[in-house]
Amino acid sequence: MLATRPHLLDQYFHMPDTAWASFFVLGYFVRNRLAFPALFALGFAIDVVVIYLLGGSGFCFTPAYWMLVPAYGTMWFAGRFAARNLEPTVGALPAFALLATAAAFVAHCFSSGGFYLLSGHFDQPTLAEFAGRVARYFPGNLVSMWIWLGIAALCHTLWTRTGGQLPTAARRA
């Protein structure tokens, strides 16, 4: 999240946001319940610094911001569920994919729906308009999540296959 949330590199290239994947991975690997509020606080702190110290856009920083708690909570709980119920095997990939996709849809409904209803940027919200916004924005958010979950899965696989050791060539570099 430190690399993507501030959007500091957007003038050079756009890095997809890691938030949903970060909370899913956190839920999967970290057992301590304080990890969720700690990661949320980190995201909040990044947003405050970017908006108020670096002059970034505060467009999304509205009363709807707090809908990120249930959105990110959904991803965290999905990660916890996966850790308890799914084996980290190739055979479990379809179940992981279904779980992460369903959780991402719920998270999107919380975050985007909350913004749509509570931000004050939309005069006459309707279900039809919201459905159009879901169709427009959810696929990109889903792809971003899958990119980062794929990177996390690859890193985890490499870590476990090497016994937590870097390859010899990497250790010498």
Protein backbone atom coordinates (compact mmCIF):
# COMPACT_ATOMS: atom_id res chain seq x y z
CA MET A 1 0.00 0.00 0.00
CA LEU A 2 2.89 2.35 0.65
CA ALA A 3 3.91 2.02 -3.00
CA THR A 4 0.50 2.43 -4.64
CA ARG A 5 -1.82 4.40 -2.36
CA PRO A 6 -0.01 7.77 -2.49
CA HIS A 7 -0.06 7.73 -6.34
CA LEU A 8 3.32 9.44 -6.28
CA LEU A 9 4.48 7.65 -9.43
CA ASP A 10 1.31 8.25 -11.46
CA GLN A 11 3.02 10.90 -13.58
CA TYR A 12 5.35 8.15 -14.85
CA PHE A 13 3.13 5.06 -14.77
CA HIS A 14 0.04 3.88 -12.93
CA MET A 15 0.41 1.10 -10.39
CA PRO A 16 -2.89 -0.64 -9.58
CA ASP A 17 -4.07 -0.15 -6.00
CA THR A 18 -3.17 -2.91 -3.56
CA ALA A 19 -5.73 -2.23 -0.82
CA TRP A 20 -8.12 -5.15 -1.39
CA ALA A 21 -5.29 -7.62 -1.95
CA SER A 22 -3.38 -6.24 1.05
CA PHE A 23 -6.28 -6.87 3.40
CA PHE A 24 -6.96 -10.34 1.94
CA VAL A 25 -3.28 -11.31 2.30
CA LEU A 26 -3.14 -9.82 5.80
CA GLY A 27 -6.16 -11.88 6.82
CA TYR A 28 -4.61 -14.99 5.31
CA PHE A 29 -1.19 -14.73 6.93
CA VAL A 30 -1.51 -12.66 10.10
CA ARG A 31 -3.41 -14.12 13.04
CA ASN A 32 -3.30 -11.08 15.32
CA ARG A 33 -6.63 -9.22 15.26
CA LEU A 34 -4.82 -5.91 15.75
CA ALA A 35 -3.32 -6.29 12.28
CA PHE A 36 -6.57 -5.17 10.63
CA PRO A 37 -6.90 -1.84 12.45
CA ALA A 38 -3.15 -1.30 12.08
CA LEU A 39 -3.28 -1.69 8.29
CA PHE A 40 -6.41 0.47 8.11
CA ALA A 41 -4.66 3.14 10.18
CA LEU A 42 -1.68 2.97 7.80
CA GLY A 43 -3.97 3.51 4.81
CA PHE A 44 -5.72 6.39 6.58
CA ALA A 45 -2.38 7.97 7.51
CA ILE A 46 -1.16 7.70 3.91
CA ASP A 47 -4.35 9.38 2.69
CA VAL A 48 -4.06 12.20 5.24
CA VAL A 49 -0.42 12.83 4.32
CA VAL A 50 -1.14 12.77 0.58
CA ILE A 51 -4.16 15.07 0.86
CA TYR A 52 -3.07 17.53 3.52
CA LEU A 53 0.72 17.57 3.24
CA LEU A 54 1.42 16.69 -0.39
CA GLY A 55 -1.58 18.47 -1.91
CA GLY A 56 -3.25 15.40 -3.40
CA SER A 57 -6.91 15.22 -4.28
CA GLY A 58 -9.34 14.92 -1.39
CA PHE A 59 -12.28 14.07 -3.67
CA CYS A 60 -12.86 10.70 -2.00
CA PHE A 61 -12.18 11.96 1.52
CA THR A 62 -15.83 12.41 2.54
CA PRO A 63 -18.07 10.94 5.27
CA ALA A 64 -18.28 7.91 2.97
CA TYR A 65 -14.58 7.20 3.66
CA TRP A 66 -15.59 5.17 6.70
CA MET A 67 -17.35 2.66 4.45
CA LEU A 68 -13.84 1.42 3.75
CA VAL A 69 -13.92 -0.25 7.19
CA PRO A 70 -16.55 -2.84 6.15
CA ALA A 71 -15.08 -3.01 2.63
CA TYR A 72 -11.59 -3.83 3.84
CA GLY A 73 -13.03 -5.92 6.66
CA THR A 74 -14.73 -8.09 4.04
CA MET A 75 -11.39 -8.73 2.36
CA TRP A 76 -9.67 -9.41 5.69
CA PHE A 77 -12.37 -11.88 6.79
CA ALA A 78 -12.20 -13.59 3.38
CA GLY A 79 -8.46 -14.03 3.88
CA ARG A 80 -9.06 -15.42 7.37
CA PHE A 81 -11.67 -17.82 5.99
CA ALA A 82 -9.28 -18.96 3.26
CA ALA A 83 -6.50 -19.56 5.79
CA ARG A 84 -8.77 -21.73 7.94
CA ASN A 85 -10.60 -23.62 5.22
CA LEU A 86 -8.52 -23.83 2.04
CA GLU A 87 -5.28 -25.69 1.52
CA PRO A 88 -2.56 -23.70 -0.27
CA THR A 89 -2.52 -26.05 -3.27
CA VAL A 90 -3.10 -25.71 -6.99
CA GLY A 91 -6.30 -27.72 -6.57
CA ALA A 92 -7.69 -25.07 -4.23
CA LEU A 93 -7.11 -22.21 -6.71
CA PRO A 94 -10.70 -22.24 -8.04
CA ALA A 95 -12.04 -21.94 -4.49
CA PHE A 96 -9.56 -19.14 -3.72
CA ALA A 97 -10.60 -17.39 -6.93
CA LEU A 98 -14.30 -17.66 -6.16
CA LEU A 99 -13.84 -16.53 -2.56
CA ALA A 100 -11.62 -13.55 -3.44
CA THR A 101 -13.89 -12.48 -6.31
CA ALA A 102 -17.04 -12.68 -4.17
CA ALA A 103 -15.33 -10.79 -1.35
CA ALA A 104 -14.12 -8.16 -3.81
CA PHE A 105 -17.66 -7.67 -5.10
CA VAL A 106 -18.98 -7.18 -1.56
CA ALA A 107 -16.07 -4.84 -0.78
CA HIS A 108 -16.81 -2.87 -3.94
CA CYS A 109 -20.47 -2.56 -2.97
CA PHE A 110 -19.46 -1.20 0.45
CA SER A 111 -16.82 1.23 -0.82
CA SER A 112 -18.38 2.37 -4.08
CA GLY A 113 -21.95 2.16 -2.77
CA GLY A 114 -20.99 4.09 0.33
CA PHE A 115 -19.30 6.75 -1.78
CA TYR A 116 -22.28 6.92 -4.13
CA LEU A 117 -24.80 7.33 -1.30
CA LEU A 118 -22.84 9.22 1.37
CA SER A 119 -20.23 11.38 -0.36
CA GLY A 120 -22.54 14.22 -1.29
CA HIS A 121 -21.25 14.17 -4.88
CA PHE A 122 -24.44 12.65 -6.34
CA ASP A 123 -27.72 14.58 -6.15
CA GLN A 124 -30.24 11.88 -7.02
CA PRO A 125 -28.70 8.42 -6.52
CA THR A 126 -30.57 5.57 -8.17
CA LEU A 127 -30.03 1.83 -8.22
CA ALA A 128 -29.79 1.89 -12.03
CA GLU A 129 -27.03 4.52 -11.97
CA PHE A 130 -25.17 2.64 -9.25
CA ALA A 131 -25.40 -0.59 -11.28
CA GLY A 132 -23.82 1.28 -14.19
CA ARG A 133 -21.04 2.51 -11.93
CA VAL A 134 -20.42 -1.05 -10.71
CA ALA A 135 -20.21 -2.25 -14.32
CA ARG A 136 -17.78 0.56 -15.11
CA TYR A 137 -15.43 0.43 -12.09
CA PHE A 138 -15.60 -3.07 -10.59
CA PRO A 139 -13.78 -4.91 -13.42
CA GLY A 140 -10.72 -2.65 -13.13
CA ASN A 141 -10.67 -2.98 -9.35
CA LEU A 142 -11.00 -6.75 -9.68
CA VAL A 143 -8.09 -6.94 -12.12
CA SER A 144 -5.95 -4.82 -9.77
CA MET A 145 -6.73 -7.16 -6.90
CA TRP A 146 -5.91 -10.23 -9.00
CA ILE A 147 -2.59 -8.76 -10.12
CA TRP A 148 -1.50 -8.20 -6.50
CA LEU A 149 -2.93 -11.51 -5.24
CA GLY A 150 -1.04 -13.26 -8.03
CA ILE A 151 2.19 -11.53 -7.01
CA ALA A 152 1.55 -12.44 -3.36
CA ALA A 153 0.86 -16.08 -4.29
CA LEU A 154 4.02 -16.22 -6.39
CA CYS A 155 6.11 -14.74 -3.56
CA HIS A 156 4.58 -17.17 -1.06
CA THR A 157 5.24 -20.12 -3.38
CA LEU A 158 8.86 -19.09 -3.93
CA TRP A 159 9.34 -18.51 -0.20
CA THR A 160 7.96 -21.92 0.78
CA ARG A 161 9.74 -23.77 -2.04
CA THR A 162 13.09 -22.31 -1.03
CA GLY A 163 12.52 -22.95 2.66
CA GLY A 164 12.40 -19.23 3.32
CA GLN A 165 15.89 -18.76 1.89
CA LEU A 166 16.87 -16.55 -1.01
CA PRO A 167 18.50 -18.38 -3.91
CA THR A 168 22.31 -18.42 -3.65
CA ALA A 169 22.78 -15.94 -6.51
CA ALA A 170 20.41 -13.44 -4.86
CA ARG A 171 22.22 -13.72 -1.52
CA ARG A 172 25.53 -12.78 -3.17
CA ALA A 173 24.11 -9.76 -5.00
